Structures are given as C-alpha cells and as structure tokens.
Amino acid sequence: MNYFAHGRLFLDRPYFLAGTAVPDWLNVVDRKMRARSKGALPHCDADDPVMAEVARGVVQHHQDDDWFHRTPAFGELSWRFTVLIRDGIGADDGLRPSFLGHILVELLLDSELAKRNPGLLSAYYEALGKIEPAKVETAVNAIATRTSDRLAWFIERFLEVRFLEDYAEDEKLTLRLNQVLQRVKLPALPSGFAPLLPIMRSAVAERFDDLLSPRS
C-alpha cells in the first residue's frame, strides 16, 4: 500500500497518520534506515502521546502491508503489470518491470481512491499539516534502526510538493516514476511506457474492492 491508502482512515489522528507514512518516508530519506514493528511496539504505550501515536502508526503500516501483499488481487495485478511493462518497453534485465509492476498497483490504488473520494486527498494533506515534523523526527529516531536529521525537512517537502496529486495524470505519474527509478539506480522509462498507464488504471479500478482491507 502507498501513503494515501495507509492513512485515509486516520485523518482525525495526525501523528498516527504520520506514523503510517514513516516507513515510506524513510525509503526516500535513508534507504538503510528502517522503522519496523519490532522497534515501534515498545513505544506504543509511551507516556509521550506523540511518540505513542507515531509508533502505533508505524505498526499499522506494517499490518496493512502484510495483508495487502498477500491478497490475490495484488499478486495477480503486479504480475500482469510486470508482463505488460516487460513486453511494452522491450528488452530489459527483468528488474525494472517487476519493480514497477509492484509499485504501480500501489500508486494507482492511491489515485483511484482519490478519484472515488473527492476532497479526501486534500483532507489527508490538511491533517498532516497539523503535525510538528521535528517531533515526528524525534519519535522516529527512537524507533528506527538508525537516526536521521533529514526526516523533518523531508516531511515539510512532502507537504509542500503534494506529489500524491500527480498520480491522477499519466504524464506527471511518469515523471514521478522516473524519480523513483533514479533513486534506486534503475534506467528511466522509454516513451513506449506512457500508453500502458490507462490499461493499468482500468485494471486497478476493476479490482478496487479486492485491493482494500476489510476494515475499509
């Protein structure tokens, strides 16, 4: 699952909401820094309410991912997208199509959620705007496998850039995907990729209910 799918049900709990985003934020800030449930669980009953809520959000993130990645819909769509991308962009070492097949299910689910719930994505950003990024950074540094002084800065950038809104448009989504590929040292997408996105959007829309946990 991606940011919006993880957090959409917790807009009334801003620090819990932030916690659901922490593992994905760390993938950008420091890929060697991990916020796992094992590190978060001891802090879920902390006296500091910010620490407790961030830790609970981290645990929620991993519970969501565990369920989501085991659904038949996710497995079927990620494989279908991998084959579609592999055949659509020509010869490849196999890593880029499989990586994209995985993350595109998640990104396009966020896009479909936003489409079906007008105004909810803006409310998501509004809720996150109520947190103090420095407090989240302090909490995460107590939870994670290593520390960082860049998380608060990145949260501010995340709120400023609002790149989740870009997933609705194929051109902007392609740009965001290329940024992700660059970050993980994979080649950029060729021009033949863009026409595949409407096909994948339709596939996610068809399996929408199957991709969401029972609590939704």
C-alpha atoms as a PDB file:
ATOM      1  CA  MET A   1       0.000   0.000   0.000  1.00  0.00           C
ATOM      2  CA  ASN A   2       1.038   3.582  -0.518  1.00  0.00           C
ATOM      3  CA  TYR A   3       0.672   6.733   1.595  1.00  0.00           C
ATOM      4  CA  PHE A   4      -2.977   7.563   0.956  1.00  0.00           C
ATOM      5  CA  ALA A   5      -4.330   4.021   1.221  1.00  0.00           C
ATOM      6  CA  HIS A   6      -2.452   3.586   4.511  1.00  0.00           C
ATOM      7  CA  GLY A   7      -3.613   6.812   6.054  1.00  0.00           C
ATOM      8  CA  ARG A   8      -7.029   7.713   4.705  1.00  0.00           C
ATOM      9  CA  LEU A   9      -8.953   6.279   7.680  1.00  0.00           C
ATOM     10  CA  PHE A  10      -6.917   8.141  10.313  1.00  0.00           C
ATOM     11  CA  LEU A  11      -7.274  11.794   9.387  1.00  0.00           C
ATOM     12  CA  ASP A  12      -8.536  12.597  12.886  1.00  0.00           C
ATOM     13  CA  ARG A  13      -5.243  11.369  14.402  1.00  0.00           C
ATOM     14  CA  PRO A  14      -2.472  13.393  12.729  1.00  0.00           C
ATOM     15  CA  TYR A  15       0.511  11.789  14.476  1.00  0.00           C
ATOM     16  CA  PHE A  16      -0.860   8.278  13.946  1.00  0.00           C
ATOM     17  CA  LEU A  17      -1.378   9.301  10.310  1.00  0.00           C
ATOM     18  CA  ALA A  18       2.244  10.427  10.151  1.00  0.00           C
ATOM     19  CA  GLY A  19       3.318   7.083  11.584  1.00  0.00           C
ATOM     20  CA  THR A  20       1.588   5.253   8.746  1.00  0.00           C
ATOM     21  CA  ALA A  21       3.760   7.237   6.319  1.00  0.00           C
ATOM     22  CA  VAL A  22       7.058   6.848   8.170  1.00  0.00           C
ATOM     23  CA  PRO A  23       8.354   3.636   6.518  1.00  0.00           C
ATOM     24  CA  ASP A  24       7.735   5.134   3.072  1.00  0.00           C
ATOM     25  CA  TRP A  25       9.282   8.461   4.039  1.00  0.00           C
ATOM     26  CA  LEU A  26      12.401   6.645   5.184  1.00  0.00           C
ATOM     27  CA  ASN A  27      12.689   4.910   1.814  1.00  0.00           C
ATOM     28  CA  VAL A  28      13.383   8.374   0.420  1.00  0.00           C
ATOM     29  CA  VAL A  29      15.322   9.923   3.308  1.00  0.00           C
ATOM     30  CA  ASP A  30      17.630   6.979   4.033  1.00  0.00           C
ATOM     31  CA  ARG A  31      17.008   3.564   2.468  1.00  0.00           C
ATOM     32  CA  LYS A  32      19.193   1.901   5.112  1.00  0.00           C
ATOM     33  CA  MET A  33      17.068   3.347   7.917  1.00  0.00           C
ATOM     34  CA  ARG A  34      14.127   1.117   8.835  1.00  0.00           C
ATOM     35  CA  ALA A  35      11.144   1.695  11.100  1.00  0.00           C
ATOM     36  CA  ARG A  36       9.891  -1.811  11.819  1.00  0.00           C
ATOM     37  CA  SER A  37       7.087  -3.041  14.050  1.00  0.00           C
ATOM     38  CA  LYS A  38       9.673  -4.632  16.339  1.00  0.00           C
ATOM     39  CA  GLY A  39      11.172  -1.232  17.081  1.00  0.00           C
ATOM     40  CA  ALA A  40       7.828   0.545  17.298  1.00  0.00           C
ATOM     41  CA  LEU A  41       5.891  -1.818  19.567  1.00  0.00           C
ATOM     42  CA  PRO A  42       7.779  -0.932  22.801  1.00  0.00           C
ATOM     43  CA  HIS A  43       6.786   2.724  22.255  1.00  0.00           C
ATOM     44  CA  CYS A  44       3.070   2.204  21.564  1.00  0.00           C
ATOM     45  CA  ASP A  45       2.208   2.850  25.223  1.00  0.00           C
ATOM     46  CA  ALA A  46       4.722   5.641  25.778  1.00  0.00           C
ATOM     47  CA  ASP A  47       3.780   8.477  28.116  1.00  0.00           C
ATOM     48  CA  ASP A  48       4.563  10.936  25.328  1.00  0.00           C
ATOM     49  CA  PRO A  49       1.387  10.944  23.175  1.00  0.00           C
ATOM     50  CA  VAL A  50       3.306  11.912  20.039  1.00  0.00           C
ATOM     51  CA  MET A  51       5.711   9.011  20.458  1.00  0.00           C
ATOM     52  CA  ALA A  52       2.858   6.592  21.132  1.00  0.00           C
ATOM     53  CA  GLU A  53       0.798   7.701  18.146  1.00  0.00           C
ATOM     54  CA  VAL A  54       3.734   7.662  15.714  1.00  0.00           C
ATOM     55  CA  ALA A  55       4.707   4.185  16.922  1.00  0.00           C
ATOM     56  CA  ARG A  56       1.141   2.902  16.558  1.00  0.00           C
ATOM     57  CA  GLY A  57       1.000   4.317  13.048  1.00  0.00           C
ATOM     58  CA  VAL A  58       4.204   2.511  12.111  1.00  0.00           C
ATOM     59  CA  VAL A  59       2.732  -0.764  13.381  1.00  0.00           C
ATOM     60  CA  GLN A  60      -0.458  -0.091  11.420  1.00  0.00           C
ATOM     61  CA  HIS A  61       1.591   0.465   8.263  1.00  0.00           C
ATOM     62  CA  HIS A  62       3.206  -2.950   8.543  1.00  0.00           C
ATOM     63  CA  GLN A  63      -0.078  -4.672   9.363  1.00  0.00           C
ATOM     64  CA  ASP A  64      -1.601  -3.088   6.270  1.00  0.00           C
ATOM     65  CA  ASP A  65       1.301  -4.121   4.053  1.00  0.00           C
ATOM     66  CA  ASP A  66       1.234  -7.668   5.350  1.00  0.00           C
ATOM     67  CA  TRP A  67      -2.441  -8.028   4.463  1.00  0.00           C
ATOM     68  CA  PHE A  68      -2.224  -6.147   1.187  1.00  0.00           C
ATOM     69  CA  HIS A  69       0.731  -8.002  -0.283  1.00  0.00           C
ATOM     70  CA  ARG A  70      -0.919 -11.347   0.417  1.00  0.00           C
ATOM     71  CA  THR A  71      -4.154 -10.550  -1.417  1.00  0.00           C
ATOM     72  CA  PRO A  72      -4.744 -12.452  -4.666  1.00  0.00           C
ATOM     73  CA  ALA A  73      -5.627  -9.168  -6.368  1.00  0.00           C
ATOM     74  CA  PHE A  74      -2.240  -7.631  -5.583  1.00  0.00           C
ATOM     75  CA  GLY A  75      -0.347 -10.717  -6.722  1.00  0.00           C
ATOM     76  CA  GLU A  76      -2.319 -11.028  -9.935  1.00  0.00           C
ATOM     77  CA  LEU A  77      -2.125  -7.345 -10.842  1.00  0.00           C
ATOM     78  CA  SER A  78       1.565  -6.920 -10.016  1.00  0.00           C
ATOM     79  CA  TRP A  79       2.412  -9.921 -12.217  1.00  0.00           C
ATOM     80  CA  ARG A  80       0.098  -8.716 -15.002  1.00  0.00           C
ATOM     81  CA  PHE A  81       1.703  -5.268 -14.910  1.00  0.00           C
ATOM     82  CA  THR A  82       5.206  -6.773 -14.875  1.00  0.00           C
ATOM     83  CA  VAL A  83       4.481  -8.709 -18.078  1.00  0.00           C
ATOM     84  CA  LEU A  84       2.747  -5.724 -19.681  1.00  0.00           C
ATOM     85  CA  ILE A  85       5.684  -3.429 -18.938  1.00  0.00           C
ATOM     86  CA  ARG A  86       8.266  -6.002 -19.977  1.00  0.00           C
ATOM     87  CA  ASP A  87       6.552  -6.558 -23.319  1.00  0.00           C
ATOM     88  CA  GLY A  88       5.794  -2.860 -23.797  1.00  0.00           C
ATOM     89  CA  ILE A  89       9.245  -1.377 -23.226  1.00  0.00           C
ATOM     90  CA  GLY A  90      11.283  -4.065 -24.946  1.00  0.00           C
ATOM     91  CA  ALA A  91      14.341  -5.944 -23.748  1.00  0.00           C
ATOM     92  CA  ASP A  92      15.122  -5.419 -20.083  1.00  0.00           C
ATOM     93  CA  ASP A  93      17.032  -7.175 -17.331  1.00  0.00           C
ATOM     94  CA  GLY A  94      13.722  -8.019 -15.630  1.00  0.00           C
ATOM     95  CA  LEU A  95      14.315  -5.899 -12.538  1.00  0.00           C
ATOM     96  CA  ARG A  96      12.684  -2.704 -13.749  1.00  0.00           C
ATOM     97  CA  PRO A  97       9.398  -4.312 -14.942  1.00  0.00           C
ATOM     98  CA  SER A  98       8.951  -6.329 -11.744  1.00  0.00           C
ATOM     99  CA  PHE A  99       9.760  -3.333  -9.544  1.00  0.00           C
ATOM    100  CA  LEU A 100       7.330  -1.156 -11.490  1.00  0.00           C
ATOM    101  CA  GLY A 101       4.675  -3.852 -11.563  1.00  0.00           C
ATOM    102  CA  HIS A 102       4.741  -3.922  -7.774  1.00  0.00           C
ATOM    103  CA  ILE A 103       4.683  -0.205  -7.052  1.00  0.00           C
ATOM    104  CA  LEU A 104       2.212   0.715  -9.792  1.00  0.00           C
ATOM    105  CA  VAL A 105      -0.521  -1.328  -8.141  1.00  0.00           C
ATOM    106  CA  GLU A 106       0.026   0.766  -5.020  1.00  0.00           C
ATOM    107  CA  LEU A 107       0.309   4.165  -6.712  1.00  0.00           C
ATOM    108  CA  LEU A 108      -2.679   3.588  -8.968  1.00  0.00           C
ATOM    109  CA  LEU A 109      -4.734   2.416  -5.998  1.00  0.00           C
ATOM    110  CA  ASP A 110      -3.993   5.757  -4.309  1.00  0.00           C
ATOM    111  CA  SER A 111      -5.071   7.520  -7.495  1.00  0.00           C
ATOM    112  CA  GLU A 112      -8.307   5.530  -7.697  1.00  0.00           C
ATOM    113  CA  LEU A 113      -9.039   6.180  -4.018  1.00  0.00           C
ATOM    114  CA  ALA A 114      -8.635   9.917  -4.578  1.00  0.00           C
ATOM    115  CA  LYS A 115     -10.838   9.786  -7.669  1.00  0.00           C
ATOM    116  CA  ARG A 116     -13.640   7.985  -5.804  1.00  0.00           C
ATOM    117  CA  ASN A 117     -13.417  10.226  -2.740  1.00  0.00           C
ATOM    118  CA  PRO A 118     -13.284  13.861  -3.915  1.00  0.00           C
ATOM    119  CA  GLY A 119     -11.674  16.127  -1.363  1.00  0.00           C
ATOM    120  CA  LEU A 120     -10.252  13.316   0.757  1.00  0.00           C
ATOM    121  CA  LEU A 121      -6.708  13.664  -0.536  1.00  0.00           C
ATOM    122  CA  SER A 122      -6.757  17.365   0.315  1.00  0.00           C
ATOM    123  CA  ALA A 123      -8.036  16.431   3.769  1.00  0.00           C
ATOM    124  CA  TYR A 124      -5.140  13.979   4.083  1.00  0.00           C
ATOM    125  CA  TYR A 125      -2.627  16.759   3.492  1.00  0.00           C
ATOM    126  CA  GLU A 126      -4.540  19.108   5.772  1.00  0.00           C
ATOM    127  CA  ALA A 127      -4.408  16.551   8.590  1.00  0.00           C
ATOM    128  CA  LEU A 128      -0.667  16.010   8.136  1.00  0.00           C
ATOM    129  CA  GLY A 129      -0.216  19.769   8.180  1.00  0.00           C
ATOM    130  CA  LYS A 130      -1.213  19.729  11.853  1.00  0.00           C
ATOM    131  CA  ILE A 131       1.890  17.796  12.958  1.00  0.00           C
ATOM    132  CA  GLU A 132       5.244  19.221  14.001  1.00  0.00           C
ATOM    133  CA  PRO A 133       7.787  17.490  11.734  1.00  0.00           C
ATOM    134  CA  ALA A 134      10.584  17.843  14.293  1.00  0.00           C
ATOM    135  CA  LYS A 135       8.539  15.885  16.838  1.00  0.00           C
ATOM    136  CA  VAL A 136       7.957  13.114  14.323  1.00  0.00           C
ATOM    137  CA  GLU A 137      11.682  13.007  13.546  1.00  0.00           C
ATOM    138  CA  THR A 138      12.489  12.658  17.254  1.00  0.00           C
ATOM    139  CA  ALA A 139       9.977   9.823  17.656  1.00  0.00           C
ATOM    140  CA  VAL A 140      11.237   8.007  14.574  1.00  0.00           C
ATOM    141  CA  ASN A 141      14.846   8.281  15.691  1.00  0.00           C
ATOM    142  CA  ALA A 142      13.850   6.386  18.856  1.00  0.00           C
ATOM    143  CA  ILE A 143      12.072   3.690  16.828  1.00  0.00           C
ATOM    144  CA  ALA A 144      14.219   3.164  13.753  1.00  0.00           C
ATOM    145  CA  THR A 145      17.361   1.155  13.132  1.00  0.00           C
ATOM    146  CA  ARG A 146      19.436   4.339  12.765  1.00  0.00           C
ATOM    147  CA  THR A 147      18.883   8.090  13.122  1.00  0.00           C
ATOM    148  CA  SER A 148      18.490  10.936  10.651  1.00  0.00           C
ATOM    149  CA  ASP A 149      18.404  14.713  10.813  1.00  0.00           C
ATOM    150  CA  ARG A 150      16.670  14.950   7.419  1.00  0.00           C
ATOM    151  CA  LEU A 151      13.247  13.491   8.152  1.00  0.00           C
ATOM    152  CA  ALA A 152      11.662  16.719   9.412  1.00  0.00           C
ATOM    153  CA  TRP A 153      12.929  18.524   6.320  1.00  0.00           C
ATOM    154  CA  PHE A 154      11.512  15.834   4.056  1.00  0.00           C
ATOM    155  CA  ILE A 155       8.099  15.923   5.762  1.00  0.00           C
ATOM    156  CA  GLU A 156       7.959  19.649   5.061  1.00  0.00           C
ATOM    157  CA  ARG A 157       8.829  18.986   1.412  1.00  0.00           C
ATOM    158  CA  PHE A 158       6.219  16.200   1.238  1.00  0.00           C
ATOM    159  CA  LEU A 159       3.560  18.654   2.412  1.00  0.00           C
ATOM    160  CA  GLU A 160       4.761  21.362   0.048  1.00  0.00           C
ATOM    161  CA  VAL A 161       5.101  19.307  -3.156  1.00  0.00           C
ATOM    162  CA  ARG A 162       1.939  17.159  -2.681  1.00  0.00           C
ATOM    163  CA  PHE A 163       3.128  14.649  -5.243  1.00  0.00           C
ATOM    164  CA  LEU A 164       0.290  12.223  -4.492  1.00  0.00           C
ATOM    165  CA  GLU A 165      -1.899  14.569  -6.523  1.00  0.00           C
ATOM    166  CA  ASP A 166       0.298  13.903  -9.566  1.00  0.00           C
ATOM    167  CA  TYR A 167      -0.773  10.265  -9.751  1.00  0.00           C
ATOM    168  CA  ALA A 168      -4.037  11.278 -11.453  1.00  0.00           C
ATOM    169  CA  GLU A 169      -2.258  12.376 -14.651  1.00  0.00           C
ATOM    170  CA  ASP A 170      -0.233   9.956 -16.770  1.00  0.00           C
ATOM    171  CA  GLU A 171       2.478  12.460 -17.693  1.00  0.00           C
ATOM    172  CA  LYS A 172       3.057  13.564 -14.116  1.00  0.00           C
ATOM    173  CA  LEU A 173       2.931   9.995 -12.823  1.00  0.00           C
ATOM    174  CA  THR A 174       5.595   9.007 -15.355  1.00  0.00           C
ATOM    175  CA  LEU A 175       7.786  11.837 -14.088  1.00  0.00           C
ATOM    176  CA  ARG A 176       7.360  10.637 -10.501  1.00  0.00           C
ATOM    177  CA  LEU A 177       8.134   7.057 -11.518  1.00  0.00           C
ATOM    178  CA  ASN A 178      11.351   8.176 -13.180  1.00  0.00           C
ATOM    179  CA  GLN A 179      12.363   9.927  -9.969  1.00  0.00           C
ATOM    180  CA  VAL A 180      11.804   6.688  -8.067  1.00  0.00           C
ATOM    181  CA  LEU A 181      13.781   4.696 -10.656  1.00  0.00           C
ATOM    182  CA  GLN A 182      16.646   7.160 -10.442  1.00  0.00           C
ATOM    183  CA  ARG A 183      16.672   6.825  -6.661  1.00  0.00           C
ATOM    184  CA  VAL A 184      17.032   3.028  -6.859  1.00  0.00           C
ATOM    185  CA  LYS A 185      19.538   3.257  -9.729  1.00  0.00           C
ATOM    186  CA  LEU A 186      17.323   1.805 -12.454  1.00  0.00           C
ATOM    187  CA  PRO A 187      17.025   3.189 -16.021  1.00  0.00           C
ATOM    188  CA  ALA A 188      14.420   5.807 -16.859  1.00  0.00           C
ATOM    189  CA  LEU A 189      11.263   4.832 -18.707  1.00  0.00           C
ATOM    190  CA  PRO A 190      11.181   4.907 -22.517  1.00  0.00           C
ATOM    191  CA  SER A 191       8.464   6.688 -24.495  1.00  0.00           C
ATOM    192  CA  GLY A 192       6.608   3.405 -25.021  1.00  0.00           C
ATOM    193  CA  PHE A 193       5.680   3.215 -21.362  1.00  0.00           C
ATOM    194  CA  ALA A 194       3.072   6.004 -21.142  1.00  0.00           C
ATOM    195  CA  PRO A 195       0.395   4.278 -23.302  1.00  0.00           C
ATOM    196  CA  LEU A 196       0.355   1.391 -20.810  1.00  0.00           C
ATOM    197  CA  LEU A 197      -0.903   3.515 -17.925  1.00  0.00           C
ATOM    198  CA  PRO A 198      -4.586   3.726 -18.965  1.00  0.00           C
ATOM    199  CA  ILE A 199      -4.674  -0.076 -19.217  1.00  0.00           C
ATOM    200  CA  MET A 200      -3.244  -0.422 -15.720  1.00  0.00           C
ATOM    201  CA  ARG A 201      -5.562   2.245 -14.303  1.00  0.00           C
ATOM    202  CA  SER A 202      -8.563   0.327 -15.607  1.00  0.00           C
ATOM    203  CA  ALA A 203      -7.264  -2.923 -14.139  1.00  0.00           C
ATOM    204  CA  VAL A 204      -6.855  -1.370 -10.678  1.00  0.00           C
ATOM    205  CA  ALA A 205     -10.334   0.156 -10.895  1.00  0.00           C
ATOM    206  CA  GLU A 206     -11.801  -3.262 -11.719  1.00  0.00           C
ATOM    207  CA  ARG A 207     -10.130  -4.881  -8.695  1.00  0.00           C
ATOM    208  CA  PHE A 208     -10.569  -1.876  -6.402  1.00  0.00           C
ATOM    209  CA  ASP A 209     -12.652  -3.606  -3.716  1.00  0.00           C
ATOM    210  CA  ASP A 210     -10.356  -6.642  -3.700  1.00  0.00           C
ATOM    211  CA  LEU A 211      -7.326  -4.434  -3.022  1.00  0.00           C
ATOM    212  CA  LEU A 212      -8.692  -2.856   0.159  1.00  0.00           C
ATOM    213  CA  SER A 213      -8.680  -4.478   3.562  1.00  0.00           C
ATOM    214  CA  PRO A 214     -11.951  -5.488   5.270  1.00  0.00           C
ATOM    215  CA  ARG A 215     -11.666  -2.545   7.668  1.00  0.00           C
ATOM    216  CA  SER A 216     -12.436  -0.137   4.822  1.00  0.00           C
END
